């Protein structure tokens, strides 16, 4: 028995805004930009496809494919527009850091 296709397993869940948001958050927190790009492409596919996202984000479809490929390099504006096209947005939160006493 082979592995299931990713979208057979998660395609339905990625349509849910909460699941998609958590999925993208984990990808972003991985620290690997390629992981985030691929995850964003997964969400785009599940939530209407590249044609609809490209139209809503006001970018060319082929350009969007290339930007969200593992080796792509989308601009911040493109990422922001694509997220908006699938009903999501970026948010900056304060990072909790451990403060060390340096013996002063």
C-alpha atoms as a PDB file:
ATOM      1  CA  UNK A   1       0.000   0.000   0.000  1.00  0.00           C
ATOM      2  CA  UNK A   2       1.492   3.351  -1.073  1.00  0.00           C
ATOM      3  CA  UNK A   3       1.433   6.660   0.736  1.00  0.00           C
ATOM      4  CA  UNK A   4      -1.686   8.705   0.228  1.00  0.00           C
ATOM      5  CA  UNK A   5      -1.491  11.840  -1.836  1.00  0.00           C
ATOM      6  CA  UNK A   6      -1.100  14.936   0.373  1.00  0.00           C
ATOM      7  CA  UNK A   7      -4.360  16.467  -0.841  1.00  0.00           C
ATOM      8  CA  UNK A   8      -6.259  13.236  -0.376  1.00  0.00           C
ATOM      9  CA  UNK A   9      -5.235  13.438   3.270  1.00  0.00           C
ATOM     10  CA  UNK A  10      -5.262  17.182   4.026  1.00  0.00           C
ATOM     11  CA  UNK A  11      -7.017  18.938   1.158  1.00  0.00           C
ATOM     12  CA  UNK A  12     -10.332  19.149   2.964  1.00  0.00           C
ATOM     13  CA  UNK A  13      -8.729  20.361   6.205  1.00  0.00           C
ATOM     14  CA  UNK A  14      -6.787  23.093   4.393  1.00  0.00           C
ATOM     15  CA  UNK A  15     -10.102  24.619   3.333  1.00  0.00           C
ATOM     16  CA  UNK A  16     -10.763  25.412   6.983  1.00  0.00           C
ATOM     17  CA  UNK A  17      -9.293  28.855   7.812  1.00  0.00           C
ATOM     18  CA  UNK A  18      -8.214  27.796  11.308  1.00  0.00           C
ATOM     19  CA  UNK A  19      -6.428  24.676  10.051  1.00  0.00           C
ATOM     20  CA  UNK A  20      -4.820  26.580   7.165  1.00  0.00           C
ATOM     21  CA  UNK A  21      -3.665  29.303   9.545  1.00  0.00           C
ATOM     22  CA  UNK A  22      -2.089  26.789  11.944  1.00  0.00           C
ATOM     23  CA  UNK A  23      -0.488  24.907   9.032  1.00  0.00           C
ATOM     24  CA  UNK A  24       1.088  28.094   7.657  1.00  0.00           C
ATOM     25  CA  UNK A  25       2.162  29.204  11.124  1.00  0.00           C
ATOM     26  CA  UNK A  26       4.013  25.916  11.666  1.00  0.00           C
ATOM     27  CA  UNK A  27       5.633  26.218   8.239  1.00  0.00           C
ATOM     28  CA  UNK A  28       6.714  29.789   8.969  1.00  0.00           C
ATOM     29  CA  UNK A  29       8.089  28.813  12.370  1.00  0.00           C
ATOM     30  CA  UNK A  30      10.192  26.078  10.764  1.00  0.00           C
ATOM     31  CA  UNK A  31      12.647  28.813   9.805  1.00  0.00           C
ATOM     32  CA  UNK A  32      12.871  27.468   6.253  1.00  0.00           C
ATOM     33  CA  UNK A  33      11.444  29.883   3.654  1.00  0.00           C
ATOM     34  CA  UNK A  34      10.967  27.043   1.149  1.00  0.00           C
ATOM     35  CA  UNK A  35       8.771  25.179   3.639  1.00  0.00           C
ATOM     36  CA  UNK A  36       6.542  28.242   3.987  1.00  0.00           C
ATOM     37  CA  UNK A  37       6.330  28.774   0.223  1.00  0.00           C
ATOM     38  CA  UNK A  38       5.308  25.166  -0.377  1.00  0.00           C
ATOM     39  CA  UNK A  39       2.785  25.295   2.481  1.00  0.00           C
ATOM     40  CA  UNK A  40       1.277  28.490   1.061  1.00  0.00           C
ATOM     41  CA  UNK A  41       0.999  26.791  -2.332  1.00  0.00           C
ATOM     42  CA  UNK A  42      -0.811  23.874  -0.631  1.00  0.00           C
ATOM     43  CA  UNK A  43      -3.306  26.287   0.925  1.00  0.00           C
ATOM     44  CA  UNK A  44      -3.800  28.092  -2.396  1.00  0.00           C
ATOM     45  CA  UNK A  45      -4.544  24.775  -4.152  1.00  0.00           C
ATOM     46  CA  UNK A  46      -7.010  23.721  -1.466  1.00  0.00           C
ATOM     47  CA  UNK A  47      -8.791  27.073  -1.263  1.00  0.00           C
ATOM     48  CA  UNK A  48      -9.676  27.745  -4.881  1.00  0.00           C
ATOM     49  CA  UNK A  49      -6.525  27.185  -6.912  1.00  0.00           C
ATOM     50  CA  UNK A  50      -3.794  29.269  -8.457  1.00  0.00           C
ATOM     51  CA  UNK A  51      -5.982  30.968 -11.069  1.00  0.00           C
ATOM     52  CA  UNK A  52      -8.352  32.412  -8.470  1.00  0.00           C
ATOM     53  CA  UNK A  53      -5.548  33.383  -6.077  1.00  0.00           C
ATOM     54  CA  UNK A  54      -3.554  35.035  -8.872  1.00  0.00           C
ATOM     55  CA  UNK A  55      -6.595  37.001  -9.998  1.00  0.00           C
ATOM     56  CA  UNK A  56      -7.410  38.121  -6.446  1.00  0.00           C
ATOM     57  CA  UNK A  57      -3.758  38.909  -5.667  1.00  0.00           C
ATOM     58  CA  UNK A  58      -3.365  40.776  -8.973  1.00  0.00           C
ATOM     59  CA  UNK A  59      -0.378  38.720 -10.106  1.00  0.00           C
ATOM     60  CA  UNK A  60       0.099  36.474 -13.112  1.00  0.00           C
ATOM     61  CA  UNK A  61      -0.788  32.806 -12.596  1.00  0.00           C
ATOM     62  CA  UNK A  62       2.534  31.529 -13.948  1.00  0.00           C
ATOM     63  CA  UNK A  63       4.383  34.086 -11.839  1.00  0.00           C
ATOM     64  CA  UNK A  64       2.504  32.867  -8.775  1.00  0.00           C
ATOM     65  CA  UNK A  65       3.399  29.236  -9.547  1.00  0.00           C
ATOM     66  CA  UNK A  66       7.071  30.175  -9.786  1.00  0.00           C
ATOM     67  CA  UNK A  67       6.978  32.384  -6.687  1.00  0.00           C
ATOM     68  CA  UNK A  68       5.471  29.661  -4.509  1.00  0.00           C
ATOM     69  CA  UNK A  69       7.654  26.849  -5.804  1.00  0.00           C
ATOM     70  CA  UNK A  70      10.230  25.430  -3.396  1.00  0.00           C
ATOM     71  CA  UNK A  71      12.968  27.427  -5.142  1.00  0.00           C
ATOM     72  CA  UNK A  72      10.786  30.532  -5.603  1.00  0.00           C
ATOM     73  CA  UNK A  73      11.375  33.972  -4.192  1.00  0.00           C
ATOM     74  CA  UNK A  74       8.095  35.876  -3.803  1.00  0.00           C
ATOM     75  CA  UNK A  75       8.112  39.479  -2.706  1.00  0.00           C
ATOM     76  CA  UNK A  76       6.545  40.445   0.608  1.00  0.00           C
ATOM     77  CA  UNK A  77       3.761  42.146  -1.341  1.00  0.00           C
ATOM     78  CA  UNK A  78       3.014  38.946  -3.252  1.00  0.00           C
ATOM     79  CA  UNK A  79       2.889  36.864  -0.066  1.00  0.00           C
ATOM     80  CA  UNK A  80       0.639  39.421   1.589  1.00  0.00           C
ATOM     81  CA  UNK A  81      -1.721  39.568  -1.399  1.00  0.00           C
ATOM     82  CA  UNK A  82      -1.873  35.785  -1.743  1.00  0.00           C
ATOM     83  CA  UNK A  83      -2.624  35.352   1.949  1.00  0.00           C
ATOM     84  CA  UNK A  84      -5.382  37.941   1.625  1.00  0.00           C
ATOM     85  CA  UNK A  85      -6.768  36.101  -1.424  1.00  0.00           C
ATOM     86  CA  UNK A  86      -7.290  32.967   0.702  1.00  0.00           C
ATOM     87  CA  UNK A  87      -8.737  34.877   3.642  1.00  0.00           C
ATOM     88  CA  UNK A  88      -5.616  35.041   5.822  1.00  0.00           C
ATOM     89  CA  UNK A  89      -3.115  37.705   6.874  1.00  0.00           C
ATOM     90  CA  UNK A  90       0.248  38.006   8.552  1.00  0.00           C
ATOM     91  CA  UNK A  91       0.437  39.060  12.172  1.00  0.00           C
ATOM     92  CA  UNK A  92       3.447  40.077  14.209  1.00  0.00           C
ATOM     93  CA  UNK A  93       3.544  38.900  17.813  1.00  0.00           C
ATOM     94  CA  UNK A  94       6.041  39.473  20.568  1.00  0.00           C
ATOM     95  CA  UNK A  95       8.475  36.629  20.925  1.00  0.00           C
ATOM     96  CA  UNK A  96       8.879  35.350  24.450  1.00  0.00           C
ATOM     97  CA  UNK A  97      12.555  35.206  25.311  1.00  0.00           C
ATOM     98  CA  UNK A  98      14.279  33.969  28.393  1.00  0.00           C
ATOM     99  CA  UNK A  99      16.235  36.755  30.059  1.00  0.00           C
ATOM    100  CA  UNK A 100      19.537  35.632  31.486  1.00  0.00           C
ATOM    101  CA  UNK A 101      21.229  37.180  34.496  1.00  0.00           C
ATOM    102  CA  UNK A 102      24.776  37.901  33.356  1.00  0.00           C
ATOM    103  CA  UNK A 103      26.029  38.329  36.918  1.00  0.00           C
ATOM    104  CA  UNK A 104      25.645  42.073  37.028  1.00  0.00           C
END
